[in-house]
Amino acid sequence: MWWVGPDSAPGVTDVLAEQGLAKVGEIPVMAIVLDRLADLDGPAGLKIETVEGAEALAEWVHAYSPSFGVDPHLWDDSLRIEAGRPDAARIVRLAGRLDGEVVGTALMLAAHGVAGIYVVTTADAHRRQGIGAALTSAALRAGQERGLRVGTLQASEAGEPVYRRMGFQTVAKYQLFQLPTR
């Protein structure tokens, strides 16, 4: 998969097409000014906590992995990568718990003066309850507490209407290109 955005070299989409890659979709880049952010709590009983320590990090990785299609045999590798991230000082990981179980995740990465929001997931059995929105709101607040004024994310098809209701606006789009299957 090749991502082409507003910061890509001019003409790159033409070169990709000449090489046989096909456009297979778009992902909206959305932004929000953090002083316009509403606090969202999610369903009753949802507890949002900062992920700290090896055990909590393992739970967090295991919670997000199914949403991203990570095979269980690769979870330990994902955990090792997360634990060794060189940008750890700029990251806040959040876990949403219901009845003690991690049912949602989010990550805020402070970079270039912006709170970038990533790894927003909700377990299938707990979707459509406001958990992802609550975790996104909490992650943005973590950015605001660090002095950041703008939050950004790349929205999935399912997430885009949720983020729009939260006050996000589309500011750009990534075009996705893929080699043909043979």
Protein backbone atom coordinates (compact mmCIF):
# COMPACT_ATOMS: atom_id res chain seq x y z
CA MET A 1 0.00 0.00 0.00
CA TRP A 2 1.34 3.41 -0.97
CA TRP A 3 -0.05 6.56 0.67
CA VAL A 4 -0.07 9.82 -1.29
CA GLY A 5 -0.89 13.03 0.56
CA PRO A 6 -0.64 16.78 0.16
CA ASP A 7 3.02 16.60 1.22
CA SER A 8 3.91 14.06 -1.50
CA ALA A 9 5.98 15.05 -4.52
CA PRO A 10 3.98 16.50 -7.43
CA GLY A 11 3.16 13.92 -10.06
CA VAL A 12 3.66 10.90 -7.80
CA THR A 13 0.15 9.60 -8.54
CA ASP A 14 0.96 9.60 -12.27
CA VAL A 15 4.19 7.68 -11.65
CA LEU A 16 2.37 5.13 -9.50
CA ALA A 17 -0.28 4.63 -12.20
CA GLU A 18 2.45 4.20 -14.84
CA GLN A 19 3.99 1.49 -12.65
CA GLY A 20 0.69 -0.38 -12.51
CA LEU A 21 -0.54 0.68 -9.08
CA ALA A 22 -4.26 1.34 -8.78
CA LYS A 23 -5.99 3.82 -6.50
CA VAL A 24 -7.96 1.74 -4.01
CA GLY A 25 -9.29 4.35 -1.62
CA GLU A 26 -8.89 7.53 0.35
CA ILE A 27 -8.42 8.27 4.03
CA PRO A 28 -9.51 11.66 5.35
CA VAL A 29 -7.10 13.62 7.53
CA MET A 30 -9.16 15.45 10.14
CA ALA A 31 -8.29 18.19 12.62
CA ILE A 32 -9.85 19.94 15.59
CA VAL A 33 -8.90 23.01 17.62
CA LEU A 34 -8.63 21.61 21.14
CA ASP A 35 -10.33 24.49 22.94
CA ARG A 36 -13.52 23.50 21.06
CA LEU A 37 -13.36 19.92 22.30
CA ALA A 38 -16.26 18.59 24.37
CA ASP A 39 -15.52 16.11 27.14
CA LEU A 40 -17.12 12.75 26.38
CA ASP A 41 -17.43 10.13 29.09
CA GLY A 42 -18.72 7.11 27.18
CA PRO A 43 -21.02 4.52 28.73
CA ALA A 44 -21.62 4.18 32.46
CA GLY A 45 -18.78 2.31 34.12
CA LEU A 46 -16.15 3.14 31.49
CA LYS A 47 -12.84 3.91 33.15
CA ILE A 48 -10.14 5.51 31.03
CA GLU A 49 -6.63 5.07 32.34
CA THR A 50 -3.10 5.83 31.22
CA VAL A 51 -1.22 2.69 30.24
CA GLU A 52 1.80 2.31 32.52
CA GLY A 53 4.02 -0.69 33.07
CA ALA A 54 4.73 -3.88 31.15
CA GLU A 55 1.56 -5.73 32.15
CA ALA A 56 -0.73 -2.84 31.19
CA LEU A 57 1.13 -2.39 27.89
CA ALA A 58 0.65 -6.08 27.08
CA GLU A 59 -3.10 -5.79 27.78
CA TRP A 60 -3.26 -2.70 25.58
CA VAL A 61 -1.48 -4.39 22.65
CA HIS A 62 -3.67 -7.49 22.98
CA ALA A 63 -6.78 -5.28 23.03
CA TYR A 64 -5.96 -3.35 19.85
CA SER A 65 -4.46 -6.21 17.84
CA PRO A 66 -7.73 -7.84 16.68
CA SER A 67 -9.05 -4.50 15.37
CA PHE A 68 -5.96 -4.11 13.20
CA GLY A 69 -5.98 -7.73 12.04
CA VAL A 70 -2.76 -8.63 13.86
CA ASP A 71 -2.52 -12.42 14.14
CA PRO A 72 -2.18 -13.62 17.74
CA HIS A 73 1.19 -15.23 16.97
CA LEU A 74 2.52 -11.72 16.22
CA TRP A 75 1.26 -10.06 19.41
CA ASP A 76 4.56 -10.57 21.25
CA ASP A 77 6.39 -8.88 18.37
CA SER A 78 3.91 -5.99 18.48
CA LEU A 79 4.46 -5.70 22.22
CA ARG A 80 8.24 -5.64 21.79
CA ILE A 81 7.94 -2.90 19.16
CA GLU A 82 5.60 -0.82 21.34
CA ALA A 83 7.85 -1.22 24.39
CA GLY A 84 10.89 -0.10 22.41
CA ARG A 85 9.45 2.94 20.64
CA PRO A 86 12.04 5.72 20.48
CA ASP A 87 9.29 8.37 20.73
CA ALA A 88 7.93 7.05 24.05
CA ALA A 89 8.42 10.39 25.84
CA ARG A 90 5.95 12.01 23.41
CA ILE A 91 3.30 9.28 23.69
CA VAL A 92 0.30 8.83 25.96
CA ARG A 93 -1.45 5.46 25.64
CA LEU A 94 -4.97 5.13 27.00
CA ALA A 95 -7.05 2.06 27.80
CA GLY A 96 -10.81 2.05 28.30
CA ARG A 97 -12.04 -0.55 30.76
CA LEU A 98 -15.49 -1.92 31.46
CA ASP A 99 -15.76 -4.35 34.36
CA GLY A 100 -11.96 -4.59 34.45
CA GLU A 101 -11.60 -5.63 30.80
CA VAL A 102 -9.78 -3.43 28.26
CA VAL A 103 -12.46 -2.75 25.64
CA GLY A 104 -10.86 0.19 23.83
CA THR A 105 -7.56 1.89 23.12
CA ALA A 106 -6.15 5.22 21.97
CA LEU A 107 -2.73 6.79 21.61
CA MET A 108 -1.72 10.46 21.55
CA LEU A 109 1.61 11.34 19.93
CA ALA A 110 2.83 14.91 20.47
CA ALA A 111 4.77 15.94 17.36
CA HIS A 112 5.32 19.21 15.50
CA GLY A 113 3.02 21.06 17.92
CA VAL A 114 0.07 18.76 17.21
CA ALA A 115 -1.68 16.03 19.19
CA GLY A 116 -1.79 13.15 16.72
CA ILE A 117 -4.39 10.53 17.61
CA TYR A 118 -3.75 6.91 16.67
CA VAL A 119 -4.71 3.33 17.60
CA VAL A 120 -8.34 4.21 18.39
CA THR A 121 -10.06 0.84 18.71
CA THR A 122 -13.12 -0.63 20.36
CA ALA A 123 -13.70 -4.35 20.90
CA ASP A 124 -16.41 -5.66 18.56
CA ALA A 125 -18.77 -6.56 21.41
CA HIS A 126 -18.65 -2.99 22.75
CA ARG A 127 -19.03 -0.88 19.62
CA ARG A 128 -21.58 1.91 19.17
CA GLN A 129 -21.54 2.87 22.85
CA GLY A 130 -19.30 5.95 22.61
CA ILE A 131 -16.13 4.23 23.85
CA GLY A 132 -13.99 5.26 20.88
CA ALA A 133 -15.23 8.85 21.08
CA ALA A 134 -14.54 8.97 24.83
CA LEU A 135 -11.02 7.61 24.33
CA THR A 136 -10.37 10.07 21.49
CA SER A 137 -11.58 12.93 23.69
CA ALA A 138 -9.33 11.81 26.56
CA ALA A 139 -6.33 11.46 24.21
CA LEU A 140 -6.91 14.98 22.87
CA ARG A 141 -7.15 16.29 26.44
CA ALA A 142 -3.77 14.66 27.15
CA GLY A 143 -2.39 16.66 24.24
CA GLN A 144 -4.01 19.83 25.50
CA GLU A 145 -2.46 19.25 28.94
CA ARG A 146 0.93 19.24 27.17
CA GLY A 147 0.20 22.67 25.69
CA LEU A 148 -0.93 21.49 22.27
CA ARG A 149 -3.73 23.40 20.57
CA VAL A 150 -4.66 21.21 17.58
CA GLY A 151 -5.47 17.52 17.29
CA THR A 152 -5.34 15.45 14.11
CA LEU A 153 -6.15 11.92 13.01
CA GLN A 154 -6.73 9.79 9.95
CA ALA A 155 -10.31 8.55 10.02
CA SER A 156 -11.61 5.14 9.07
CA GLU A 157 -14.91 4.94 7.23
CA ALA A 158 -16.66 3.96 10.47
CA GLY A 159 -14.91 6.64 12.52
CA GLU A 160 -15.36 9.62 10.21
CA PRO A 161 -18.97 10.46 11.17
CA VAL A 162 -18.11 10.08 14.87
CA TYR A 163 -15.18 12.48 14.55
CA ARG A 164 -17.28 14.94 12.55
CA ARG A 165 -19.87 14.97 15.37
CA MET A 166 -17.02 15.66 17.81
CA GLY A 167 -16.09 18.79 15.82
CA PHE A 168 -13.30 17.49 13.59
CA GLN A 169 -13.09 18.85 10.05
CA THR A 170 -11.47 17.21 7.03
CA VAL A 171 -8.33 19.15 6.10
CA ALA A 172 -6.75 16.77 3.57
CA LYS A 173 -6.99 13.25 2.16
CA TYR A 174 -4.51 10.49 1.65
CA GLN A 175 -4.96 8.55 -1.58
CA LEU A 176 -4.17 4.85 -1.28
CA PHE A 177 -2.51 2.96 -4.11
CA GLN A 178 -1.83 -0.76 -4.37
CA LEU A 179 -0.05 -3.09 -6.76
CA PRO A 180 -2.44 -5.36 -8.63
CA THR A 181 -2.76 -8.89 -7.31
CA ARG A 182 -1.38 -11.50 -9.65
